[in-house]
Amino acid sequence: MLLREIAHSRTGDKGNRAIISVIAYDLKDFPAIERCVTAQRVRAYYADIVKGEVERYVVPHLGALNFVLHDALGGGVTRSLALDAHGKCLSSAILGMSIE
């Protein structure tokens, strides 16, 4: 199944970091999301974009994971030559991740 079937996402960007939250529609699905969407998997999923580390923060009472993707925005939003590989595009892309 695709992550978008059981979760939505929010995002932000600061400097050369993207911040992506993955939030379960229903708390009953959160354990599967927490198990399958690891920092390592997110780093591999964005391997062509993220040049730094990926940190994951778990917010279980909200059914959410928050990821900080370091060195992910081509030097920062105002310095990048990308048309829009920032925030919203990155959060939309993660929802295409396949999970068990």
C-alpha atoms as a PDB file:
ATOM      1  CA  MET A   1       0.000   0.000   0.000  1.00  0.00           C
ATOM      2  CA  LEU A   2       1.094   3.570  -0.496  1.00  0.00           C
ATOM      3  CA  LEU A   3       1.625   5.788   2.521  1.00  0.00           C
ATOM      4  CA  ARG A   4      -0.933   8.282   1.137  1.00  0.00           C
ATOM      5  CA  GLU A   5      -3.691   5.731   1.753  1.00  0.00           C
ATOM      6  CA  ILE A   6      -3.289   6.023   5.548  1.00  0.00           C
ATOM      7  CA  ALA A   7      -1.491   9.340   6.117  1.00  0.00           C
ATOM      8  CA  HIS A   8      -1.089  12.921   5.028  1.00  0.00           C
ATOM      9  CA  SER A   9       1.907  15.220   5.325  1.00  0.00           C
ATOM     10  CA  ARG A  10       2.897  18.755   6.217  1.00  0.00           C
ATOM     11  CA  THR A  11       6.169  20.474   5.594  1.00  0.00           C
ATOM     12  CA  GLY A  12       8.384  23.460   6.033  1.00  0.00           C
ATOM     13  CA  ASP A  13      11.840  24.562   5.068  1.00  0.00           C
ATOM     14  CA  LYS A  14      14.512  26.544   6.855  1.00  0.00           C
ATOM     15  CA  GLY A  15      17.786  27.325   5.177  1.00  0.00           C
ATOM     16  CA  ASN A  16      19.082  24.133   3.648  1.00  0.00           C
ATOM     17  CA  ARG A  17      16.820  21.865   5.725  1.00  0.00           C
ATOM     18  CA  ALA A  18      13.427  20.426   4.864  1.00  0.00           C
ATOM     19  CA  ILE A  19      11.088  19.429   7.675  1.00  0.00           C
ATOM     20  CA  ILE A  20       8.455  16.829   6.779  1.00  0.00           C
ATOM     21  CA  SER A  21       5.724  15.481   9.039  1.00  0.00           C
ATOM     22  CA  VAL A  22       3.819  12.300   8.237  1.00  0.00           C
ATOM     23  CA  ILE A  23       0.523  12.118  10.114  1.00  0.00           C
ATOM     24  CA  ALA A  24      -1.798   9.111  10.307  1.00  0.00           C
ATOM     25  CA  TYR A  25      -5.426   9.714   9.381  1.00  0.00           C
ATOM     26  CA  ASP A  26      -6.360   7.158  12.040  1.00  0.00           C
ATOM     27  CA  LEU A  27      -4.271   6.411  15.169  1.00  0.00           C
ATOM     28  CA  LYS A  28      -4.769   2.670  14.618  1.00  0.00           C
ATOM     29  CA  ASP A  29      -2.494   2.944  11.546  1.00  0.00           C
ATOM     30  CA  PHE A  30       0.284   4.778  13.365  1.00  0.00           C
ATOM     31  CA  PRO A  31       2.178   1.644  14.553  1.00  0.00           C
ATOM     32  CA  ALA A  32       2.594   0.515  10.915  1.00  0.00           C
ATOM     33  CA  ILE A  33       3.747   3.968   9.863  1.00  0.00           C
ATOM     34  CA  GLU A  34       6.185   4.158  12.775  1.00  0.00           C
ATOM     35  CA  ARG A  35       7.576   0.713  11.941  1.00  0.00           C
ATOM     36  CA  CYS A  36       7.919   1.242   8.183  1.00  0.00           C
ATOM     37  CA  VAL A  37       8.874   4.908   7.783  1.00  0.00           C
ATOM     38  CA  THR A  38      12.317   5.045   9.368  1.00  0.00           C
ATOM     39  CA  ALA A  39      14.959   7.742   9.061  1.00  0.00           C
ATOM     40  CA  GLN A  40      17.083   5.327   7.006  1.00  0.00           C
ATOM     41  CA  ARG A  41      14.230   4.626   4.615  1.00  0.00           C
ATOM     42  CA  VAL A  42      13.437   8.314   4.205  1.00  0.00           C
ATOM     43  CA  ARG A  43      17.139   9.036   3.557  1.00  0.00           C
ATOM     44  CA  ALA A  44      17.214   6.309   0.879  1.00  0.00           C
ATOM     45  CA  TYR A  45      13.906   7.508  -0.616  1.00  0.00           C
ATOM     46  CA  TYR A  46      15.350  10.994  -1.140  1.00  0.00           C
ATOM     47  CA  ALA A  47      18.904   9.817  -1.914  1.00  0.00           C
ATOM     48  CA  ASP A  48      19.219  12.065  -4.981  1.00  0.00           C
ATOM     49  CA  ILE A  49      18.174  15.158  -3.023  1.00  0.00           C
ATOM     50  CA  VAL A  50      19.270  14.782   0.598  1.00  0.00           C
ATOM     51  CA  LYS A  51      23.016  15.127   1.037  1.00  0.00           C
ATOM     52  CA  GLY A  52      23.031  15.210   4.848  1.00  0.00           C
ATOM     53  CA  GLU A  53      21.532  13.282   7.717  1.00  0.00           C
ATOM     54  CA  VAL A  54      17.866  12.568   8.315  1.00  0.00           C
ATOM     55  CA  GLU A  55      16.561  12.838  11.877  1.00  0.00           C
ATOM     56  CA  ARG A  56      13.234  11.328  12.941  1.00  0.00           C
ATOM     57  CA  TYR A  57      11.105  12.485  15.850  1.00  0.00           C
ATOM     58  CA  VAL A  58       8.121  10.427  17.004  1.00  0.00           C
ATOM     59  CA  VAL A  59       4.985  12.188  18.255  1.00  0.00           C
ATOM     60  CA  PRO A  60       2.782   9.201  19.177  1.00  0.00           C
ATOM     61  CA  HIS A  61      -0.121  11.074  20.779  1.00  0.00           C
ATOM     62  CA  LEU A  62      -0.617  12.887  17.451  1.00  0.00           C
ATOM     63  CA  GLY A  63       0.077   9.796  15.346  1.00  0.00           C
ATOM     64  CA  ALA A  64       2.897  11.653  13.641  1.00  0.00           C
ATOM     65  CA  LEU A  65       6.518  11.358  12.618  1.00  0.00           C
ATOM     66  CA  ASN A  66       8.591  14.472  12.028  1.00  0.00           C
ATOM     67  CA  PHE A  67      11.676  14.281   9.814  1.00  0.00           C
ATOM     68  CA  VAL A  68      14.443  16.852   9.499  1.00  0.00           C
ATOM     69  CA  LEU A  69      16.319  16.435   6.208  1.00  0.00           C
ATOM     70  CA  HIS A  70      19.677  18.198   6.431  1.00  0.00           C
ATOM     71  CA  ASP A  71      21.444  19.564   3.353  1.00  0.00           C
ATOM     72  CA  ALA A  72      18.364  18.850   1.281  1.00  0.00           C
ATOM     73  CA  LEU A  73      17.491  22.068  -0.534  1.00  0.00           C
ATOM     74  CA  GLY A  74      20.419  22.732  -2.851  1.00  0.00           C
ATOM     75  CA  GLY A  75      21.947  25.332  -0.535  1.00  0.00           C
ATOM     76  CA  GLY A  76      18.616  26.743   0.624  1.00  0.00           C
ATOM     77  CA  VAL A  77      15.370  27.884  -0.948  1.00  0.00           C
ATOM     78  CA  THR A  78      16.712  31.266  -2.040  1.00  0.00           C
ATOM     79  CA  ARG A  79      19.957  29.788  -3.427  1.00  0.00           C
ATOM     80  CA  SER A  80      18.619  26.684  -5.151  1.00  0.00           C
ATOM     81  CA  LEU A  81      18.245  26.458  -8.919  1.00  0.00           C
ATOM     82  CA  ALA A  82      15.408  23.950  -8.505  1.00  0.00           C
ATOM     83  CA  LEU A  83      12.031  25.215  -9.630  1.00  0.00           C
ATOM     84  CA  ASP A  84      10.240  23.833  -6.581  1.00  0.00           C
ATOM     85  CA  ALA A  85      11.906  20.815  -4.979  1.00  0.00           C
ATOM     86  CA  HIS A  86      11.192  22.327  -1.609  1.00  0.00           C
ATOM     87  CA  GLY A  87       8.749  21.769   1.212  1.00  0.00           C
ATOM     88  CA  LYS A  88       5.415  20.934  -0.367  1.00  0.00           C
ATOM     89  CA  CYS A  89       6.869  18.941  -3.246  1.00  0.00           C
ATOM     90  CA  LEU A  90       8.993  16.838  -0.886  1.00  0.00           C
ATOM     91  CA  SER A  91       6.078  16.149   1.466  1.00  0.00           C
ATOM     92  CA  SER A  92       3.858  15.147  -1.422  1.00  0.00           C
ATOM     93  CA  ALA A  93       6.545  12.798  -2.717  1.00  0.00           C
ATOM     94  CA  ILE A  94       6.909  10.911   0.581  1.00  0.00           C
ATOM     95  CA  LEU A  95       3.250   9.881   0.361  1.00  0.00           C
ATOM     96  CA  GLY A  96       4.209   7.769  -2.650  1.00  0.00           C
ATOM     97  CA  MET A  97       6.381   5.587  -0.416  1.00  0.00           C
ATOM     98  CA  SER A  98       5.235   1.977  -0.316  1.00  0.00           C
ATOM     99  CA  ILE A  99       4.690   0.419   3.106  1.00  0.00           C
ATOM    100  CA  GLU A 100       3.691  -3.037   4.371  1.00  0.00           C
END
